[in-house]
Amino acid sequence: MIDEGSKELSKLLRSAVEYAATKEIKYRLNRMAEELEVSGATRSEKYQSMIPQLASLLGDEADLIANLANIAAVLSENFGFLWVGFYRRVGEELILGPFQGPVACSRISIPDGVCGAAVAKAETIIVPNVDEFSGHIACSSKSKSEIAVPLVQNGEVKLVLDVDSEEFNDFSELDKKSLEQVMKLINEKYPAPNPLLQML
């Protein structure tokens, strides 16, 4: 028979192993974030390098805000866009989420602006010249072109990824397909019905 002392020792050993495993996972995730490096001379090559790393970065992190914040940071740092961020849909409004760049509009009514239009149409919208877009909301006068990519679940838009550039005509079909892949990663991480992406 196993005495009580042996049982207690076995329990302590299991706890120690579990603790060490948890610390190792956290260490690896932290190192992964620190070492994420997007390579490539062209925008296409950078997207190809970035998307698999984003998938790994989302990995075991369950928190939606943390993941959106890291995605915005990676896109901003590696492509030098003026503004990169997310808006979440709450009823008939879009409310500002994690972003990188200048101070932004906190709330956008649907279907106003490029983001609101993307929600209304439930599709990606590319605007080569924001001055020529009817109803454009000028959160920053430096913005010259814009792309808004919605995340649609069960026919409803839950999030919008918005990217602004200081250059005219800075977004193409390449950006559309690549940023839609980024949104697909989020959709796969938080599949419907997920309370984190429920409309309030």
Protein backbone atom coordinates (compact mmCIF):
# COMPACT_ATOMS: atom_id res chain seq x y z
CA MET A 1 0.00 0.00 0.00
CA ILE A 2 1.04 3.58 -0.67
CA ASP A 3 1.32 5.52 2.58
CA GLU A 4 -0.01 9.05 3.02
CA GLY A 5 3.46 10.52 2.77
CA SER A 6 4.03 8.98 -0.63
CA LYS A 7 0.66 10.22 -1.85
CA GLU A 8 1.46 13.72 -0.71
CA LEU A 9 4.88 13.59 -2.36
CA SER A 10 3.31 12.35 -5.60
CA LYS A 11 0.80 15.20 -5.46
CA LEU A 12 3.54 17.76 -4.91
CA LEU A 13 5.55 16.38 -7.82
CA ARG A 14 2.54 16.59 -10.15
CA SER A 15 1.94 20.18 -9.07
CA ALA A 16 5.58 21.04 -9.70
CA VAL A 17 5.49 19.51 -13.18
CA GLU A 18 2.26 21.35 -14.05
CA TYR A 19 3.70 24.63 -12.75
CA ALA A 20 6.89 24.17 -14.78
CA ALA A 21 4.89 23.37 -17.91
CA THR A 22 2.77 26.49 -17.45
CA LYS A 23 5.87 28.65 -16.97
CA GLU A 24 7.42 27.14 -20.10
CA ILE A 25 4.32 27.89 -22.17
CA LYS A 26 4.24 31.49 -20.94
CA TYR A 27 7.96 31.85 -21.63
CA ARG A 28 7.57 30.54 -25.16
CA LEU A 29 4.62 32.85 -25.87
CA ASN A 30 6.56 35.84 -24.57
CA ARG A 31 9.60 34.90 -26.65
CA MET A 32 7.36 34.40 -29.68
CA ALA A 33 6.02 37.93 -29.32
CA GLU A 34 9.51 39.37 -28.84
CA GLU A 35 10.96 37.48 -31.80
CA LEU A 36 8.13 37.97 -34.28
CA GLU A 37 9.94 39.21 -37.34
CA VAL A 38 8.28 39.98 -40.64
CA SER A 39 10.65 39.67 -43.57
CA GLY A 40 10.43 40.52 -47.24
CA ALA A 41 11.26 43.34 -49.63
CA THR A 42 7.76 43.68 -51.07
CA ARG A 43 4.38 44.09 -49.42
CA SER A 44 3.35 40.69 -50.76
CA GLU A 45 6.38 39.01 -49.20
CA LYS A 46 5.74 40.75 -45.89
CA TYR A 47 2.14 39.52 -45.79
CA GLN A 48 3.29 35.99 -46.60
CA SER A 49 5.79 36.15 -43.75
CA MET A 50 3.43 37.84 -41.30
CA ILE A 51 0.20 35.82 -41.48
CA PRO A 52 1.58 32.46 -40.26
CA GLN A 53 3.33 34.28 -37.40
CA LEU A 54 0.10 36.03 -36.45
CA ALA A 55 -1.63 32.65 -36.32
CA SER A 56 1.05 31.47 -33.88
CA LEU A 57 0.88 34.69 -31.89
CA LEU A 58 -2.85 34.26 -31.32
CA GLY A 59 -2.02 30.69 -30.25
CA ASP A 60 -3.04 29.98 -26.69
CA GLU A 61 -4.02 33.56 -25.80
CA ALA A 62 -7.75 33.57 -25.13
CA ASP A 63 -8.26 37.29 -24.57
CA LEU A 64 -9.77 39.05 -27.59
CA ILE A 65 -8.49 42.53 -26.71
CA ALA A 66 -4.93 41.30 -26.27
CA ASN A 67 -5.01 39.58 -29.65
CA LEU A 68 -6.52 42.55 -31.47
CA ALA A 69 -3.94 44.85 -29.89
CA ASN A 70 -1.08 42.64 -31.08
CA ILE A 71 -2.50 42.37 -34.59
CA ALA A 72 -2.77 46.16 -34.84
CA ALA A 73 0.79 46.54 -33.56
CA VAL A 74 2.22 44.01 -36.03
CA LEU A 75 0.49 45.62 -39.01
CA SER A 76 1.48 49.13 -37.96
CA GLU A 77 5.10 48.31 -37.19
CA ASN A 78 5.77 46.32 -40.34
CA PHE A 79 3.89 48.32 -42.95
CA GLY A 80 4.15 51.85 -41.61
CA PHE A 81 0.47 52.66 -42.09
CA LEU A 82 -0.87 55.90 -40.60
CA TRP A 83 -3.54 54.13 -38.56
CA VAL A 84 -4.43 50.50 -37.91
CA GLY A 85 -7.19 49.42 -35.58
CA PHE A 86 -10.46 47.73 -34.86
CA TYR A 87 -14.01 48.85 -34.35
CA ARG A 88 -16.50 46.51 -32.71
CA ARG A 89 -20.16 46.62 -33.55
CA VAL A 90 -22.49 47.49 -30.69
CA GLY A 91 -26.06 47.80 -31.95
CA GLU A 92 -26.09 50.37 -34.73
CA GLU A 93 -22.75 51.88 -33.79
CA LEU A 94 -19.10 51.03 -34.19
CA ILE A 95 -17.07 51.59 -31.04
CA LEU A 96 -13.31 52.03 -31.05
CA GLY A 97 -11.17 49.08 -30.04
CA PRO A 98 -7.41 48.44 -29.93
CA PHE A 99 -5.44 50.54 -32.42
CA GLN A 100 -2.07 52.02 -33.39
CA GLY A 101 -1.83 55.60 -34.62
CA PRO A 102 -3.29 59.06 -33.99
CA VAL A 103 -6.32 59.64 -31.77
CA ALA A 104 -9.38 58.24 -33.54
CA CYS A 105 -13.16 58.63 -33.60
CA SER A 106 -14.57 56.82 -30.57
CA ARG A 107 -17.94 56.06 -32.15
CA ILE A 108 -19.17 55.77 -35.72
CA SER A 109 -22.82 55.44 -36.64
CA ILE A 110 -23.66 52.79 -39.21
CA PRO A 111 -23.56 53.34 -42.23
CA ASP A 112 -21.42 56.51 -41.87
CA GLY A 113 -17.84 56.64 -43.09
CA VAL A 114 -15.83 53.91 -44.73
CA CYS A 115 -16.16 51.57 -41.76
CA GLY A 116 -19.90 52.11 -41.49
CA ALA A 117 -20.28 51.43 -45.20
CA ALA A 118 -18.27 48.22 -44.86
CA VAL A 119 -20.69 47.09 -42.15
CA ALA A 120 -23.76 48.04 -44.18
CA LYS A 121 -22.47 46.12 -47.22
CA ALA A 122 -20.83 43.36 -45.16
CA GLU A 123 -17.83 43.46 -47.48
CA THR A 124 -14.35 44.95 -47.73
CA ILE A 125 -14.20 48.50 -49.05
CA ILE A 126 -11.10 50.10 -50.57
CA VAL A 127 -11.03 53.88 -50.92
CA PRO A 128 -8.14 55.18 -53.09
CA ASN A 129 -8.89 58.82 -52.19
CA VAL A 130 -10.85 59.50 -49.01
CA ASP A 131 -11.67 63.04 -50.18
CA GLU A 132 -13.74 61.53 -52.97
CA PHE A 133 -15.66 59.14 -50.70
CA SER A 134 -19.13 60.44 -49.90
CA GLY A 135 -19.66 60.55 -46.15
CA HIS A 136 -16.02 60.06 -45.24
CA ILE A 137 -15.29 60.79 -41.58
CA ALA A 138 -12.01 62.67 -41.29
CA CYS A 139 -10.64 61.38 -37.98
CA SER A 140 -7.20 62.50 -39.23
CA SER A 141 -6.46 65.03 -41.95
CA LYS A 142 -3.34 63.01 -42.80
CA SER A 143 -5.40 60.07 -44.07
CA LYS A 144 -5.41 59.88 -47.89
CA SER A 145 -6.59 56.32 -48.59
CA GLU A 146 -8.31 53.66 -46.53
CA ILE A 147 -9.39 50.04 -46.40
CA ALA A 148 -12.06 48.61 -44.09
CA VAL A 149 -12.42 44.85 -43.64
CA PRO A 150 -15.43 43.43 -41.78
CA LEU A 151 -15.63 40.18 -39.86
CA VAL A 152 -18.98 38.56 -40.63
CA GLN A 153 -20.51 35.75 -38.59
CA ASN A 154 -23.94 34.31 -39.33
CA GLY A 155 -24.68 37.22 -41.63
CA GLU A 156 -23.82 39.89 -39.04
CA VAL A 157 -20.72 42.08 -38.91
CA LYS A 158 -19.01 41.80 -35.53
CA LEU A 159 -15.74 43.67 -36.06
CA VAL A 160 -14.12 45.96 -38.59
CA LEU A 161 -10.39 46.19 -39.25
CA ASP A 162 -9.65 49.71 -40.46
CA VAL A 163 -6.35 50.79 -42.03
CA ASP A 164 -5.48 54.31 -43.15
CA SER A 165 -2.52 55.48 -45.22
CA GLU A 166 -0.89 58.84 -45.80
CA GLU A 167 -0.53 57.88 -49.47
CA PHE A 168 -3.22 58.05 -52.13
CA ASN A 169 -4.21 54.75 -53.74
CA ASP A 170 -2.13 52.76 -51.26
CA PHE A 171 -4.38 49.68 -51.06
CA SER A 172 -4.94 46.99 -53.66
CA GLU A 173 -6.45 43.56 -54.10
CA LEU A 174 -3.33 42.21 -52.39
CA ASP A 175 -4.15 44.14 -49.20
CA LYS A 176 -7.79 43.10 -49.42
CA LYS A 177 -7.01 39.39 -49.65
CA SER A 178 -4.27 39.54 -47.03
CA LEU A 179 -6.24 41.54 -44.46
CA GLU A 180 -9.23 39.28 -45.03
CA GLN A 181 -6.92 36.40 -44.13
CA VAL A 182 -6.08 38.22 -40.90
CA MET A 183 -9.78 38.54 -40.11
CA LYS A 184 -10.20 34.85 -40.92
CA LEU A 185 -7.65 34.07 -38.21
CA ILE A 186 -9.79 36.00 -35.72
CA ASN A 187 -12.93 34.26 -36.95
CA GLU A 188 -11.29 30.86 -36.47
CA LYS A 189 -10.03 31.85 -33.03
CA TYR A 190 -13.48 33.04 -31.92
CA PRO A 191 -15.99 31.03 -33.98
CA ALA A 192 -19.71 31.82 -33.81
CA PRO A 193 -21.47 31.83 -31.52
CA ASN A 194 -18.81 33.36 -29.31
CA PRO A 195 -19.81 35.71 -26.49
CA LEU A 196 -16.72 37.83 -27.14
CA LEU A 197 -18.08 38.74 -30.56
CA GLN A 198 -21.78 38.98 -29.75
CA MET A 199 -23.62 42.15 -30.68
CA LEU A 200 -24.70 44.02 -27.54
